[in-house]
Amino acid sequence: MTNKDASWDRAGIIAEVHRRGMTLTGIAEAAGLYASACRQGIGGGSRAGAQAIADALNIPFETLFPTSYLRGRHHKQQSNRNGSCNTSAIGGSRADTEQVA
């Protein structure tokens, strides 16, 4: 499945890994993860395992796992509904910095 628009499923990902002469355990261990991380990553249980697979296959993460891990760092859309939550609390709000008469 080298087509950019191909739909990847569990069996397709595993087949591509084997086609390239790799194993899920080998990918996990090469990435410094526990041996079952990539097997769990395919099923949605280990984001690090899924990322290791994407890196090993040199396929963008969101291409391999378009419907999994939607709220993680890899997702390009903002995962936080309230955009102001990412602001720094150090500066304080305007009311905190004004003196009350």
Protein backbone atom coordinates (compact mmCIF):
# COMPACT_ATOMS: atom_id res chain seq x y z
CA MET A 1 0.00 0.00 0.00
CA THR A 2 2.20 2.75 -1.20
CA ASN A 3 -0.67 4.93 -2.40
CA LYS A 4 -0.94 8.10 -0.28
CA ASP A 5 -4.73 7.86 -0.24
CA ALA A 6 -4.86 4.17 0.69
CA SER A 7 -6.93 3.21 3.67
CA TRP A 8 -4.83 1.42 6.25
CA ASP A 9 -6.30 -1.24 8.49
CA ARG A 10 -4.68 -3.54 11.04
CA ALA A 11 -4.03 -6.33 8.52
CA GLY A 12 -2.66 -3.90 5.93
CA ILE A 13 -0.24 -2.33 8.39
CA ILE A 14 1.02 -5.73 9.56
CA ALA A 15 1.39 -6.90 5.96
CA GLU A 16 3.40 -3.80 5.07
CA VAL A 17 5.67 -4.31 8.09
CA HIS A 18 6.36 -7.90 7.02
CA ARG A 19 6.70 -6.91 3.34
CA ARG A 20 9.55 -4.64 4.38
CA GLY A 21 11.26 -7.43 6.31
CA MET A 22 10.43 -6.09 9.77
CA THR A 23 8.44 -7.33 12.74
CA LEU A 24 6.30 -5.40 15.19
CA THR A 25 8.46 -6.64 18.07
CA GLY A 26 11.62 -5.57 16.25
CA ILE A 27 10.22 -2.10 15.58
CA ALA A 28 9.23 -1.69 19.23
CA GLU A 29 12.59 -2.83 20.56
CA ALA A 30 14.48 -0.62 18.08
CA ALA A 31 12.44 2.34 19.34
CA GLY A 32 13.31 1.51 22.95
CA LEU A 33 9.79 0.37 23.80
CA TYR A 34 8.54 -2.80 25.43
CA ALA A 35 8.16 -5.72 23.01
CA SER A 36 4.36 -5.60 22.67
CA ALA A 37 4.07 -1.81 22.23
CA CYS A 38 3.58 -1.93 18.46
CA ARG A 39 1.00 -4.73 18.67
CA GLN A 40 -0.89 -2.62 21.16
CA GLY A 41 -0.35 0.49 19.05
CA ILE A 42 -2.20 -0.97 16.09
CA GLY A 43 -5.21 -1.60 18.31
CA GLY A 44 -5.20 1.84 19.90
CA GLY A 45 -3.54 0.87 23.18
CA SER A 46 -0.10 2.44 22.80
CA ARG A 47 0.43 5.74 21.05
CA ALA A 48 4.21 5.32 21.31
CA GLY A 49 3.94 1.93 19.59
CA ALA A 50 1.81 3.39 16.82
CA GLN A 51 4.29 6.23 16.34
CA ALA A 52 7.16 3.73 16.14
CA ILE A 53 5.35 1.88 13.36
CA ALA A 54 4.71 5.08 11.43
CA ASP A 55 8.35 6.10 11.82
CA ALA A 56 9.66 2.67 10.76
CA LEU A 57 7.44 2.60 7.67
CA ASN A 58 8.18 6.27 6.92
CA ILE A 59 4.45 6.94 6.57
CA PRO A 60 2.84 9.95 8.28
CA PHE A 61 1.15 9.03 11.56
CA GLU A 62 -2.20 10.53 10.58
CA THR A 63 -2.15 8.50 7.35
CA LEU A 64 -1.74 5.17 9.16
CA PHE A 65 -4.02 5.99 12.07
CA PRO A 66 -6.56 8.57 10.83
CA THR A 67 -9.27 7.68 13.34
CA SER A 68 -7.15 6.63 16.30
CA TYR A 69 -5.39 8.82 18.84
CA LEU A 70 -7.39 11.90 17.85
CA ARG A 71 -6.46 14.02 20.86
CA GLY A 72 -2.69 13.48 20.87
CA ARG A 73 0.18 15.71 19.83
CA HIS A 74 0.24 14.25 16.34
CA HIS A 75 -3.22 15.54 15.47
CA LYS A 76 -2.95 18.79 13.55
CA GLN A 77 -6.28 20.21 14.66
CA GLN A 78 -6.49 21.84 18.04
CA SER A 79 -7.64 19.17 20.47
CA ASN A 80 -8.56 21.65 23.17
CA ARG A 81 -12.06 23.10 22.92
CA ASN A 82 -11.14 26.17 24.94
CA GLY A 83 -8.25 27.87 23.17
CA SER A 84 -7.53 30.12 26.14
CA CYS A 85 -6.48 27.17 28.31
CA ASN A 86 -3.06 27.18 26.68
CA THR A 87 -2.20 30.66 27.93
CA SER A 88 0.29 31.17 30.69
CA ALA A 89 -0.98 31.68 34.21
CA ILE A 90 2.18 33.57 35.19
CA GLY A 91 0.99 36.90 33.80
CA GLY A 92 -2.34 36.62 35.54
CA SER A 93 -5.59 38.02 34.28
CA ARG A 94 -6.28 41.70 33.87
CA ALA A 95 -8.34 41.76 37.05
CA ASP A 96 -5.49 40.23 39.02
CA THR A 97 -3.05 42.93 37.97
CA GLU A 98 -5.30 45.92 38.59
CA GLN A 99 -5.50 47.36 42.04
CA VAL A 100 -8.92 47.53 43.57
CA ALA A 101 -9.75 51.04 44.93
